[in-house]
Amino acid sequence: MIPKTLHEQEEHLFTVLSGRRFLRMEGLGNEVPFFIYPYAPEHALAVAAAKKRIKNRLSNAGVTVFEINLYDLSVEMLRERGVWDRVLAAEPEMDRTDFREMLQGMLDPQLHIAPAIRDRLGGDFDIFFLTGIGEVFPYIRSHNVLNNLQSVVKDRPMLLFFPGRYEQSDTLGSSLVLFGRLKDDQYYRAKNILEQEA
C-alpha cells in the first residue's frame, strides 16, 4: 500500500532507504538503480524539511547520503565558466525563447550536467539524492538528466525528488508530469520509491 500522508511517506522513505535490500540494490535485475519520489508541488517546503530529517536519521544509522541540487549545480557551473554575470545581464534583454535556448545549450545534460555530477560524485557515500528539478525547469528537463546519468550513477542507488507525478501504465508506459501539469517525455527505467518494499 502506498503511503498517503507526508508523515507516512517520510517514514516509508527512511525505512526503505536504510534497508539492506535497497542499499545493496537487490531485486533490480539489470535495471538502473534509479528511484523517484513524486510529491505534490505545494508540499515542496514540507518535503525539503522531511528530506533533511531523513538525511540526519540515515546518517545516525550509518548511511551516507550525497546530495546535488540541480539549481545550485547549474549556478556553480555557470560561475566556474565565467558566464554567470553575462547570463544575468542578458535575461531582461533577451526574448524568453532565445534565453531558454541559450541556457539549455549552456546546461546541456549530456555535455555539461552529467559530467559535472560525475566529477562531484567521488568519495564515499551510500545513496545519491538529486533535487532542484522544479527550479531548473524549463532549462533542464528531468528525463534528459535521468537518461544521461545512466552511465554515471550505476553502482549506488539514486533518489530523484520530483515535484509532480510519476505516472506508470502498462499500455502508455511511464512519464514524469512536472508540477502535476507538464508531461515530460516518457521515462520508464526508474521505480517509484513509494511502491518499494522495505
N, C-alpha and C. Protein backbone atom coordinates (compact mmCIF):
# COMPACT_ATOMS: atom_id res chain seq x y z
N MET A 1 0.83 -1.18 0.00
CA MET A 1 0.00 0.00 0.00
C MET A 1 0.89 1.25 0.00
N ILE A 2 0.58 2.19 -0.88
CA ILE A 2 1.38 3.42 -1.00
C ILE A 2 1.03 4.36 0.15
N PRO A 3 2.05 4.84 0.87
CA PRO A 3 1.79 5.78 1.97
C PRO A 3 1.17 7.07 1.46
N LYS A 4 0.13 7.54 2.14
CA LYS A 4 -0.62 8.70 1.66
C LYS A 4 -0.14 10.01 2.26
N THR A 5 -0.06 10.10 3.57
CA THR A 5 0.29 11.37 4.20
C THR A 5 1.79 11.62 4.09
N LEU A 6 2.18 12.87 4.22
CA LEU A 6 3.61 13.20 4.17
C LEU A 6 4.38 12.51 5.29
N HIS A 7 3.78 12.43 6.46
CA HIS A 7 4.46 11.76 7.57
C HIS A 7 4.66 10.28 7.25
N GLU A 8 3.63 9.63 6.70
CA GLU A 8 3.76 8.22 6.32
C GLU A 8 4.83 8.05 5.23
N GLN A 9 4.87 8.99 4.28
CA GLN A 9 5.86 8.91 3.22
C GLN A 9 7.27 9.08 3.78
N GLU A 10 7.44 10.00 4.73
CA GLU A 10 8.75 10.20 5.34
C GLU A 10 9.21 8.93 6.05
N GLU A 11 8.32 8.32 6.80
CA GLU A 11 8.68 7.07 7.50
C GLU A 11 9.00 5.97 6.50
N HIS A 12 8.21 5.89 5.43
CA HIS A 12 8.44 4.88 4.40
C HIS A 12 9.82 5.09 3.75
N LEU A 13 10.12 6.35 3.40
CA LEU A 13 11.41 6.64 2.78
C LEU A 13 12.55 6.21 3.68
N PHE A 14 12.48 6.58 4.94
CA PHE A 14 13.56 6.21 5.85
C PHE A 14 13.70 4.69 5.93
N THR A 15 12.58 3.99 6.07
CA THR A 15 12.61 2.54 6.21
C THR A 15 13.22 1.88 4.97
N VAL A 16 12.78 2.31 3.78
CA VAL A 16 13.30 1.73 2.54
C VAL A 16 14.77 2.08 2.34
N LEU A 17 15.10 3.38 2.50
CA LEU A 17 16.47 3.83 2.23
C LEU A 17 17.49 3.25 3.19
N SER A 18 17.07 2.93 4.38
CA SER A 18 18.02 2.37 5.36
C SER A 18 18.08 0.85 5.30
N GLY A 19 17.24 0.25 4.46
CA GLY A 19 17.19 -1.21 4.37
C GLY A 19 18.34 -1.79 3.55
N ARG A 20 18.78 -2.97 3.96
CA ARG A 20 19.88 -3.64 3.26
C ARG A 20 19.54 -3.94 1.81
N ARG A 21 18.28 -4.33 1.56
CA ARG A 21 17.85 -4.67 0.20
C ARG A 21 18.05 -3.47 -0.73
N PHE A 22 17.65 -2.28 -0.27
CA PHE A 22 17.79 -1.07 -1.09
C PHE A 22 19.27 -0.72 -1.26
N LEU A 23 20.01 -0.71 -0.18
CA LEU A 23 21.42 -0.30 -0.23
C LEU A 23 22.26 -1.24 -1.08
N ARG A 24 21.88 -2.51 -1.12
CA ARG A 24 22.62 -3.49 -1.94
C ARG A 24 22.05 -3.59 -3.34
N MET A 25 21.01 -2.79 -3.62
CA MET A 25 20.36 -2.73 -4.94
C MET A 25 19.89 -4.12 -5.38
N GLU A 26 19.32 -4.86 -4.43
CA GLU A 26 18.82 -6.20 -4.73
C GLU A 26 17.46 -6.11 -5.42
N GLY A 27 17.19 -7.05 -6.28
CA GLY A 27 15.90 -7.13 -6.94
C GLY A 27 15.74 -6.19 -8.13
N LEU A 28 16.82 -5.59 -8.59
CA LEU A 28 16.72 -4.66 -9.73
C LEU A 28 16.89 -5.37 -11.07
N GLY A 29 17.39 -6.58 -11.06
CA GLY A 29 17.70 -7.23 -12.33
C GLY A 29 18.81 -6.44 -13.00
N ASN A 30 18.62 -6.11 -14.24
CA ASN A 30 19.62 -5.31 -14.97
C ASN A 30 19.21 -3.85 -15.06
N GLU A 31 18.23 -3.45 -14.27
CA GLU A 31 17.75 -2.08 -14.32
C GLU A 31 18.71 -1.13 -13.60
N VAL A 32 18.67 0.15 -14.01
CA VAL A 32 19.47 1.15 -13.32
C VAL A 32 18.89 1.38 -11.93
N PRO A 33 19.73 1.74 -10.96
CA PRO A 33 19.24 1.91 -9.59
C PRO A 33 18.64 3.30 -9.35
N PHE A 34 17.67 3.67 -10.20
CA PHE A 34 17.05 4.99 -10.12
C PHE A 34 15.67 4.88 -9.50
N PHE A 35 15.42 5.75 -8.55
CA PHE A 35 14.14 5.79 -7.87
C PHE A 35 13.63 7.23 -7.88
N ILE A 36 12.31 7.36 -7.94
CA ILE A 36 11.70 8.69 -7.96
C ILE A 36 10.77 8.82 -6.77
N TYR A 37 10.90 9.94 -6.07
CA TYR A 37 9.94 10.27 -5.03
C TYR A 37 9.07 11.41 -5.56
N PRO A 38 7.88 11.06 -6.10
CA PRO A 38 6.99 12.11 -6.59
C PRO A 38 6.20 12.70 -5.42
N TYR A 39 6.08 14.02 -5.41
CA TYR A 39 5.30 14.66 -4.35
C TYR A 39 4.56 15.86 -4.93
N ALA A 40 3.50 16.24 -4.26
CA ALA A 40 2.69 17.37 -4.72
C ALA A 40 3.54 18.64 -4.61
N PRO A 41 3.61 19.45 -5.67
CA PRO A 41 4.45 20.64 -5.65
C PRO A 41 4.14 21.59 -4.49
N GLU A 42 2.89 21.64 -4.08
CA GLU A 42 2.53 22.53 -2.96
C GLU A 42 3.11 22.07 -1.63
N HIS A 43 3.66 20.86 -1.60
CA HIS A 43 4.30 20.35 -0.38
C HIS A 43 5.82 20.49 -0.41
N ALA A 44 6.33 21.29 -1.33
CA ALA A 44 7.79 21.39 -1.52
C ALA A 44 8.54 21.75 -0.24
N LEU A 45 8.05 22.71 0.52
CA LEU A 45 8.75 23.11 1.75
C LEU A 45 8.71 22.00 2.79
N ALA A 46 7.57 21.35 2.93
CA ALA A 46 7.46 20.24 3.89
C ALA A 46 8.35 19.08 3.47
N VAL A 47 8.43 18.81 2.16
CA VAL A 47 9.28 17.73 1.67
C VAL A 47 10.75 18.06 1.90
N ALA A 48 11.12 19.33 1.70
CA ALA A 48 12.52 19.74 1.95
C ALA A 48 12.88 19.52 3.41
N ALA A 49 11.96 19.86 4.32
CA ALA A 49 12.22 19.65 5.75
C ALA A 49 12.30 18.15 6.06
N ALA A 50 11.41 17.36 5.45
CA ALA A 50 11.44 15.91 5.66
C ALA A 50 12.74 15.31 5.13
N LYS A 51 13.20 15.81 3.98
CA LYS A 51 14.45 15.31 3.40
C LYS A 51 15.62 15.53 4.36
N LYS A 52 15.66 16.69 5.00
CA LYS A 52 16.73 16.96 5.98
C LYS A 52 16.65 15.99 7.15
N ARG A 53 15.44 15.75 7.65
CA ARG A 53 15.28 14.80 8.76
C ARG A 53 15.69 13.40 8.34
N ILE A 54 15.30 13.00 7.14
CA ILE A 54 15.66 11.66 6.64
C ILE A 54 17.18 11.53 6.53
N LYS A 55 17.84 12.56 5.98
CA LYS A 55 19.30 12.51 5.87
C LYS A 55 19.95 12.39 7.24
N ASN A 56 19.45 13.13 8.22
CA ASN A 56 20.00 13.04 9.58
C ASN A 56 19.79 11.66 10.17
N ARG A 57 18.58 11.13 9.99
CA ARG A 57 18.29 9.79 10.52
C ARG A 57 19.15 8.73 9.84
N LEU A 58 19.32 8.86 8.53
CA LEU A 58 20.16 7.90 7.82
C LEU A 58 21.61 8.00 8.29
N SER A 59 22.09 9.22 8.47
CA SER A 59 23.44 9.43 8.97
C SER A 59 23.62 8.76 10.33
N ASN A 60 22.64 8.92 11.20
CA ASN A 60 22.70 8.29 12.52
C ASN A 60 22.66 6.77 12.43
N ALA A 61 22.10 6.24 11.33
CA ALA A 61 22.04 4.80 11.11
C ALA A 61 23.25 4.30 10.33
N GLY A 62 24.21 5.21 10.06
CA GLY A 62 25.42 4.81 9.35
C GLY A 62 25.31 4.80 7.84
N VAL A 63 24.27 5.44 7.30
CA VAL A 63 24.06 5.50 5.85
C VAL A 63 24.39 6.92 5.39
N THR A 64 25.34 7.05 4.47
CA THR A 64 25.78 8.35 3.99
C THR A 64 25.04 8.74 2.72
N VAL A 65 24.49 9.95 2.72
CA VAL A 65 23.78 10.48 1.56
C VAL A 65 24.60 11.59 0.94
N PHE A 66 24.74 11.56 -0.39
CA PHE A 66 25.37 12.64 -1.12
C PHE A 66 24.28 13.30 -1.93
N GLU A 67 24.12 14.61 -1.78
CA GLU A 67 23.03 15.32 -2.45
C GLU A 67 23.56 16.37 -3.42
N ILE A 68 22.94 16.44 -4.58
CA ILE A 68 23.21 17.51 -5.53
C ILE A 68 21.88 18.17 -5.87
N ASN A 69 21.83 19.49 -5.72
CA ASN A 69 20.68 20.28 -6.13
C ASN A 69 21.00 20.82 -7.53
N LEU A 70 20.16 20.51 -8.50
CA LEU A 70 20.44 20.89 -9.89
C LEU A 70 20.53 22.40 -10.09
N TYR A 71 19.73 23.16 -9.35
CA TYR A 71 19.79 24.61 -9.49
C TYR A 71 21.15 25.12 -8.99
N ASP A 72 21.54 24.68 -7.80
CA ASP A 72 22.84 25.10 -7.25
C ASP A 72 23.99 24.67 -8.15
N LEU A 73 23.90 23.45 -8.68
CA LEU A 73 24.93 22.95 -9.59
C LEU A 73 25.01 23.81 -10.84
N SER A 74 23.85 24.18 -11.39
CA SER A 74 23.82 24.99 -12.62
C SER A 74 24.48 26.35 -12.39
N VAL A 75 24.13 27.01 -11.29
CA VAL A 75 24.72 28.31 -10.98
C VAL A 75 26.23 28.16 -10.79
N GLU A 76 26.64 27.12 -10.07
CA GLU A 76 28.06 26.88 -9.83
C GLU A 76 28.81 26.66 -11.15
N MET A 77 28.21 25.88 -12.06
CA MET A 77 28.85 25.61 -13.35
C MET A 77 28.98 26.89 -14.17
N LEU A 78 27.93 27.71 -14.21
CA LEU A 78 27.98 28.96 -14.98
C LEU A 78 29.00 29.92 -14.39
N ARG A 79 29.13 29.93 -13.07
CA ARG A 79 30.15 30.78 -12.43
C ARG A 79 31.55 30.28 -12.74
N GLU A 80 31.74 28.96 -12.67
CA GLU A 80 33.06 28.38 -12.97
C GLU A 80 33.49 28.71 -14.40
N ARG A 81 32.54 28.77 -15.32
CA ARG A 81 32.85 29.07 -16.72
C ARG A 81 32.92 30.57 -16.98
N GLY A 82 32.66 31.38 -15.95
CA GLY A 82 32.79 32.83 -16.08
C GLY A 82 31.68 33.50 -16.87
N VAL A 83 30.50 32.85 -16.96
CA VAL A 83 29.42 33.43 -17.75
C VAL A 83 28.20 33.83 -16.91
N TRP A 84 28.24 33.58 -15.61
CA TRP A 84 27.09 33.85 -14.75
C TRP A 84 26.61 35.30 -14.83
N ASP A 85 27.53 36.26 -14.73
CA ASP A 85 27.14 37.67 -14.77
C ASP A 85 26.56 38.05 -16.14
N ARG A 86 27.11 37.47 -17.19
CA ARG A 86 26.58 37.75 -18.53
C ARG A 86 25.18 37.18 -18.69
N VAL A 87 24.94 36.00 -18.12
CA VAL A 87 23.60 35.39 -18.18
C VAL A 87 22.60 36.29 -17.45
N LEU A 88 22.96 36.75 -16.26
CA LEU A 88 22.07 37.64 -15.51
C LEU A 88 21.79 38.93 -16.27
N ALA A 89 22.80 39.49 -16.90
CA ALA A 89 22.63 40.73 -17.65
C ALA A 89 21.79 40.52 -18.91
N ALA A 90 21.90 39.34 -19.52
CA ALA A 90 21.18 39.07 -20.77
C ALA A 90 19.70 38.79 -20.56
N GLU A 91 19.35 38.24 -19.41
CA GLU A 91 17.96 37.79 -19.21
C GLU A 91 16.91 38.88 -19.47
N PRO A 92 17.04 40.09 -18.89
CA PRO A 92 15.98 41.08 -19.12
C PRO A 92 15.92 41.59 -20.57
N GLU A 93 17.03 41.46 -21.28
CA GLU A 93 17.10 42.00 -22.64
C GLU A 93 16.66 41.00 -23.72
N MET A 94 16.77 39.71 -23.41
CA MET A 94 16.54 38.69 -24.44
C MET A 94 15.08 38.24 -24.49
N ASP A 95 14.69 37.79 -25.67
CA ASP A 95 13.41 37.12 -25.84
C ASP A 95 13.42 35.85 -24.98
N ARG A 96 12.29 35.51 -24.38
CA ARG A 96 12.23 34.35 -23.46
C ARG A 96 12.66 33.05 -24.13
N THR A 97 12.20 32.84 -25.35
CA THR A 97 12.55 31.61 -26.06
C THR A 97 14.06 31.56 -26.35
N ASP A 98 14.61 32.68 -26.79
CA ASP A 98 16.05 32.73 -27.07
C ASP A 98 16.86 32.50 -25.79
N PHE A 99 16.40 33.11 -24.68
CA PHE A 99 17.10 32.95 -23.41
C PHE A 99 17.06 31.49 -22.95
N ARG A 100 15.88 30.87 -23.08
CA ARG A 100 15.74 29.46 -22.69
C ARG A 100 16.68 28.59 -23.52
N GLU A 101 16.71 28.84 -24.84
CA GLU A 101 17.57 28.03 -25.72
C GLU A 101 19.05 28.25 -25.39
N MET A 102 19.41 29.47 -25.04
CA MET A 102 20.80 29.75 -24.68
C MET A 102 21.18 28.95 -23.42
N LEU A 103 20.32 29.01 -22.40
CA LEU A 103 20.62 28.28 -21.16
C LEU A 103 20.60 26.77 -21.39
N GLN A 104 19.68 26.29 -22.22
CA GLN A 104 19.65 24.86 -22.50
C GLN A 104 20.96 24.40 -23.14
N GLY A 105 21.54 25.24 -23.98
CA GLY A 105 22.84 24.90 -24.57
C GLY A 105 23.96 24.92 -23.54
N MET A 106 23.92 25.91 -22.66
CA MET A 106 24.96 26.03 -21.63
C MET A 106 24.85 24.95 -20.56
N LEU A 107 23.65 24.39 -20.38
CA LEU A 107 23.41 23.40 -19.33
C LEU A 107 22.94 22.07 -19.91
N ASP A 108 23.43 21.75 -21.08
CA ASP A 108 23.05 20.50 -21.74
C ASP A 108 23.36 19.31 -20.83
N PRO A 109 22.37 18.43 -20.57
CA PRO A 109 22.60 17.31 -19.66
C PRO A 109 23.74 16.38 -20.07
N GLN A 110 23.86 16.11 -21.38
CA GLN A 110 24.91 15.20 -21.82
C GLN A 110 26.29 15.85 -21.78
N LEU A 111 26.37 17.08 -22.26
CA LEU A 111 27.67 17.74 -22.36
C LEU A 111 28.14 18.38 -21.05
N HIS A 112 27.21 18.83 -20.22
CA HIS A 112 27.60 19.60 -19.05
C HIS A 112 27.13 19.03 -17.71
N ILE A 113 25.84 18.70 -17.59
CA ILE A 113 25.29 18.28 -16.30
C ILE A 113 25.84 16.93 -15.86
N ALA A 114 25.72 15.91 -16.71
CA ALA A 114 26.20 14.58 -16.33
C ALA A 114 27.70 14.57 -16.01
N PRO A 115 28.56 15.21 -16.82
CA PRO A 115 29.99 15.24 -16.45
C PRO A 115 30.23 15.98 -15.13
N ALA A 116 29.48 17.05 -14.88
CA ALA A 116 29.67 17.79 -13.62
C ALA A 116 29.25 16.94 -12.43
N ILE A 117 28.17 16.18 -12.58
CA ILE A 117 27.74 15.29 -11.49
C ILE A 117 28.77 14.19 -11.30
N ARG A 118 29.28 13.62 -12.41
CA ARG A 118 30.31 12.58 -12.31
C ARG A 118 31.53 13.10 -11.53
N ASP A 119 31.94 14.34 -11.83
CA ASP A 119 33.10 14.92 -11.16
C ASP A 119 32.88 15.10 -9.66
N ARG A 120 31.64 15.33 -9.27
CA ARG A 120 31.34 15.60 -7.86
C ARG A 120 30.99 14.35 -7.08
N LEU A 121 30.77 13.24 -7.75
CA LEU A 121 30.33 12.01 -7.07
C LEU A 121 31.46 11.22 -6.43
N GLY A 122 32.67 11.71 -6.50
CA GLY A 122 33.76 10.99 -5.85
C GLY A 122 33.52 10.90 -4.35
N GLY A 123 34.26 10.06 -3.72
CA GLY A 123 34.11 9.95 -2.27
C GLY A 123 33.21 8.80 -1.89
N ASP A 124 33.03 8.65 -0.61
CA ASP A 124 32.31 7.51 -0.08
C ASP A 124 30.91 7.92 0.34
N PHE A 125 29.89 7.33 -0.29
CA PHE A 125 28.51 7.56 0.09
C PHE A 125 27.70 6.33 -0.29
N ASP A 126 26.51 6.23 0.28
CA ASP A 126 25.67 5.06 0.04
C ASP A 126 24.50 5.33 -0.89
N ILE A 127 23.95 6.55 -0.82
CA ILE A 127 22.79 6.93 -1.63
C ILE A 127 23.02 8.32 -2.20
N PHE A 128 22.58 8.51 -3.43
CA PHE A 128 22.68 9.81 -4.09
C PHE A 128 21.29 10.43 -4.19
N PHE A 129 21.12 11.64 -3.62
CA PHE A 129 19.87 12.39 -3.74
C PHE A 129 20.05 13.45 -4.82
N LEU A 130 19.11 13.52 -5.77
CA LEU A 130 19.12 14.56 -6.78
C LEU A 130 17.88 15.42 -6.57
N THR A 131 18.09 16.72 -6.32
CA THR A 131 17.00 17.64 -6.01
C THR A 131 17.07 18.85 -6.95
N GLY A 132 16.12 19.76 -6.79
CA GLY A 132 16.15 21.00 -7.56
C GLY A 132 15.56 20.89 -8.96
N ILE A 133 14.82 19.83 -9.25
CA ILE A 133 14.24 19.62 -10.58
C ILE A 133 13.29 20.76 -10.97
N GLY A 134 12.43 21.15 -10.05
CA GLY A 134 11.47 22.21 -10.35
C GLY A 134 12.12 23.55 -10.61
N GLU A 135 13.21 23.82 -9.91
CA GLU A 135 13.89 25.11 -10.03
C GLU A 135 14.60 25.31 -11.36
N VAL A 136 14.96 24.23 -12.04
CA VAL A 136 15.70 24.36 -13.29
C VAL A 136 14.82 24.22 -14.54
N PHE A 137 13.54 23.96 -14.34
CA PHE A 137 12.63 23.88 -15.47
C PHE A 137 12.38 25.29 -16.00
N PRO A 138 12.33 25.54 -17.30
CA PRO A 138 12.37 24.60 -18.43
C PRO A 138 13.75 24.45 -19.05
N TYR A 139 14.79 24.96 -18.38
CA TYR A 139 16.14 24.91 -18.95
C TYR A 139 16.71 23.50 -18.96
N ILE A 140 16.36 22.73 -17.94
CA ILE A 140 16.84 21.35 -17.84
C ILE A 140 15.61 20.47 -17.62
N ARG A 141 15.46 19.44 -18.44
CA ARG A 141 14.32 18.55 -18.33
C ARG A 141 14.74 17.28 -17.60
N SER A 142 13.90 16.83 -16.67
CA SER A 142 14.25 15.71 -15.81
C SER A 142 14.55 14.43 -16.58
N HIS A 143 13.77 14.12 -17.61
CA HIS A 143 14.03 12.87 -18.33
C HIS A 143 15.39 12.92 -19.04
N ASN A 144 15.81 14.11 -19.51
CA ASN A 144 17.13 14.22 -20.14
C ASN A 144 18.25 13.97 -19.13
N VAL A 145 18.07 14.51 -17.92
CA VAL A 145 19.06 14.29 -16.88
C VAL A 145 19.15 12.81 -16.55
N LEU A 146 17.99 12.18 -16.34
CA LEU A 146 17.98 10.76 -15.99
C LEU A 146 18.62 9.91 -17.08
N ASN A 147 18.28 10.18 -18.33
CA ASN A 147 18.88 9.41 -19.44
C ASN A 147 20.39 9.54 -19.46
N ASN A 148 20.90 10.73 -19.18
CA ASN A 148 22.34 10.96 -19.24
C ASN A 148 23.08 10.53 -17.98
N LEU A 149 22.36 10.26 -16.91
CA LEU A 149 23.02 9.79 -15.68
C LEU A 149 23.13 8.27 -15.61
N GLN A 150 22.52 7.57 -16.56
CA GLN A 150 22.53 6.11 -16.51
C GLN A 150 23.94 5.53 -16.54
N SER A 151 24.86 6.22 -17.22
CA SER A 151 26.24 5.72 -17.25
C SER A 151 27.08 6.31 -16.12
N VAL A 152 26.53 7.29 -15.40
CA VAL A 152 27.28 7.97 -14.34
C VAL A 152 26.97 7.38 -12.97
N VAL A 153 25.69 7.17 -12.71
CA VAL A 153 25.25 6.66 -11.41
C VAL A 153 24.76 5.24 -11.64
N LYS A 154 25.61 4.27 -11.36
CA LYS A 154 25.18 2.90 -11.59
C LYS A 154 25.58 1.94 -10.48
N ASP A 155 26.48 2.37 -9.62
CA ASP A 155 26.91 1.45 -8.56
C ASP A 155 26.32 1.80 -7.20
N ARG A 156 25.46 2.82 -7.15
CA ARG A 156 24.76 3.17 -5.92
C ARG A 156 23.37 3.66 -6.29
N PRO A 157 22.41 3.48 -5.40
CA PRO A 157 21.06 3.93 -5.73
C PRO A 157 20.94 5.46 -5.74
N MET A 158 20.10 5.96 -6.65
CA MET A 158 19.83 7.39 -6.74
C MET A 158 18.34 7.63 -6.51
N LEU A 159 18.05 8.65 -5.72
CA LEU A 159 16.66 9.05 -5.48
C LEU A 159 16.46 10.46 -5.99
N LEU A 160 15.56 10.61 -6.96
CA LEU A 160 15.21 11.91 -7.53
C LEU A 160 13.96 12.43 -6.82
N PHE A 161 14.07 13.60 -6.21
CA PHE A 161 12.91 14.24 -5.58
C PHE A 161 12.19 15.03 -6.68
N PHE A 162 10.97 14.61 -6.99
CA PHE A 162 10.27 15.12 -8.17
C PHE A 162 8.95 15.81 -7.80
N PRO A 163 8.86 17.13 -8.02
CA PRO A 163 7.62 17.84 -7.71
C PRO A 163 6.56 17.63 -8.80
N GLY A 164 5.82 16.56 -8.66
CA GLY A 164 4.82 16.22 -9.66
C GLY A 164 4.41 14.77 -9.51
N ARG A 165 4.00 14.18 -10.62
CA ARG A 165 3.55 12.78 -10.60
C ARG A 165 4.47 11.94 -11.49
N TYR A 166 4.62 10.70 -11.09
CA TYR A 166 5.30 9.72 -11.93
C TYR A 166 4.23 8.72 -12.31
N GLU A 167 3.71 8.85 -13.52
CA GLU A 167 2.61 8.02 -13.96
C GLU A 167 3.15 6.79 -14.66
N GLN A 168 2.68 5.64 -14.21
CA GLN A 168 3.12 4.38 -14.80
C GLN A 168 1.89 3.61 -15.29
N SER A 169 1.96 3.18 -16.55
CA SER A 169 0.84 2.49 -17.15
C SER A 169 1.38 1.37 -18.04
N ASP A 170 0.72 0.21 -17.99
CA ASP A 170 1.14 -0.91 -18.82
C ASP A 170 0.97 -0.60 -20.30
N THR A 171 -0.04 0.20 -20.63
CA THR A 171 -0.31 0.49 -22.04
C THR A 171 0.39 1.75 -22.54
N LEU A 172 0.50 2.78 -21.67
CA LEU A 172 1.07 4.06 -22.11
C LEU A 172 2.52 4.25 -21.69
N GLY A 173 3.06 3.32 -20.92
CA GLY A 173 4.42 3.48 -20.41
C GLY A 173 4.45 4.38 -19.19
N SER A 174 5.60 4.92 -18.89
CA SER A 174 5.76 5.76 -17.71
C SER A 174 6.18 7.16 -18.14
N SER A 175 5.67 8.15 -17.43
CA SER A 175 6.07 9.52 -17.76
C SER A 175 6.09 10.37 -16.50
N LEU A 176 6.93 11.39 -16.56
CA LEU A 176 7.07 12.34 -15.47
C LEU A 176 6.18 13.54 -15.78
N VAL A 177 5.33 13.91 -14.83
CA VAL A 177 4.41 15.03 -15.02
C VAL A 177 4.81 16.12 -14.02
N LEU A 178 5.64 17.04 -14.48
CA LEU A 178 6.19 18.08 -13.61
C LEU A 178 5.09 19.02 -13.13
N PHE A 179 5.11 19.31 -11.84
CA PHE A 179 4.13 20.18 -11.19
C PHE A 179 2.71 19.63 -11.33
N GLY A 180 2.57 18.36 -11.72
CA GLY A 180 1.26 17.77 -11.91
C GLY A 180 0.56 18.28 -13.16
N ARG A 181 1.26 19.02 -14.01
CA ARG A 181 0.63 19.65 -15.17
C ARG A 181 1.39 19.46 -16.47
N LEU A 182 2.70 19.41 -16.43
CA LEU A 182 3.52 19.41 -17.64
C LEU A 182 4.11 18.02 -17.87
N LYS A 183 3.58 17.34 -18.85
CA LYS A 183 4.06 15.98 -19.12
C LYS A 183 5.40 16.04 -19.82
N ASP A 184 6.42 15.50 -19.16
CA ASP A 184 7.74 15.41 -19.75
C ASP A 184 7.73 14.20 -20.67
N ASP A 185 8.79 13.98 -21.40
CA ASP A 185 8.84 12.79 -22.22
C ASP A 185 8.82 11.56 -21.33
N GLN A 186 8.56 10.44 -21.95
CA GLN A 186 8.46 9.21 -21.18
C GLN A 186 9.81 8.82 -20.59
N TYR A 187 9.74 8.30 -19.38
CA TYR A 187 10.93 7.74 -18.76
C TYR A 187 10.49 6.52 -17.98
N TYR A 188 10.96 5.37 -18.36
CA TYR A 188 10.41 4.13 -17.83
C TYR A 188 11.37 3.36 -16.92
N ARG A 189 12.59 3.83 -16.78
CA ARG A 189 13.58 2.99 -16.11
C ARG A 189 13.62 3.17 -14.60
N ALA A 190 13.03 4.24 -14.09
CA ALA A 190 13.07 4.46 -12.64
C ALA A 190 11.89 3.76 -11.97
N LYS A 191 12.05 3.54 -10.68
CA LYS A 191 10.98 2.96 -9.88
C LYS A 191 10.47 4.01 -8.89
N ASN A 192 9.18 3.95 -8.64
CA ASN A 192 8.57 4.84 -7.66
C ASN A 192 8.97 4.36 -6.26
N ILE A 193 9.68 5.16 -5.52
CA ILE A 193 10.17 4.77 -4.19
C ILE A 193 9.02 4.47 -3.24
N LEU A 194 7.87 5.09 -3.46
CA LEU A 194 6.72 4.87 -2.58
C LEU A 194 6.12 3.48 -2.77
N GLU A 195 6.47 2.82 -3.88
CA GLU A 195 5.97 1.47 -4.15
C GLU A 195 6.98 0.40 -3.76
N GLN A 196 8.14 0.81 -3.27
CA GLN A 196 9.19 -0.15 -2.89
C GLN A 196 8.92 -0.72 -1.51
N GLU A 197 9.20 -2.00 -1.38
CA GLU A 197 9.08 -2.65 -0.07
C GLU A 197 10.40 -2.49 0.68
N ALA A 198 10.28 -2.44 1.99
CA ALA A 198 11.48 -2.30 2.83
C ALA A 198 12.27 -3.58 2.85
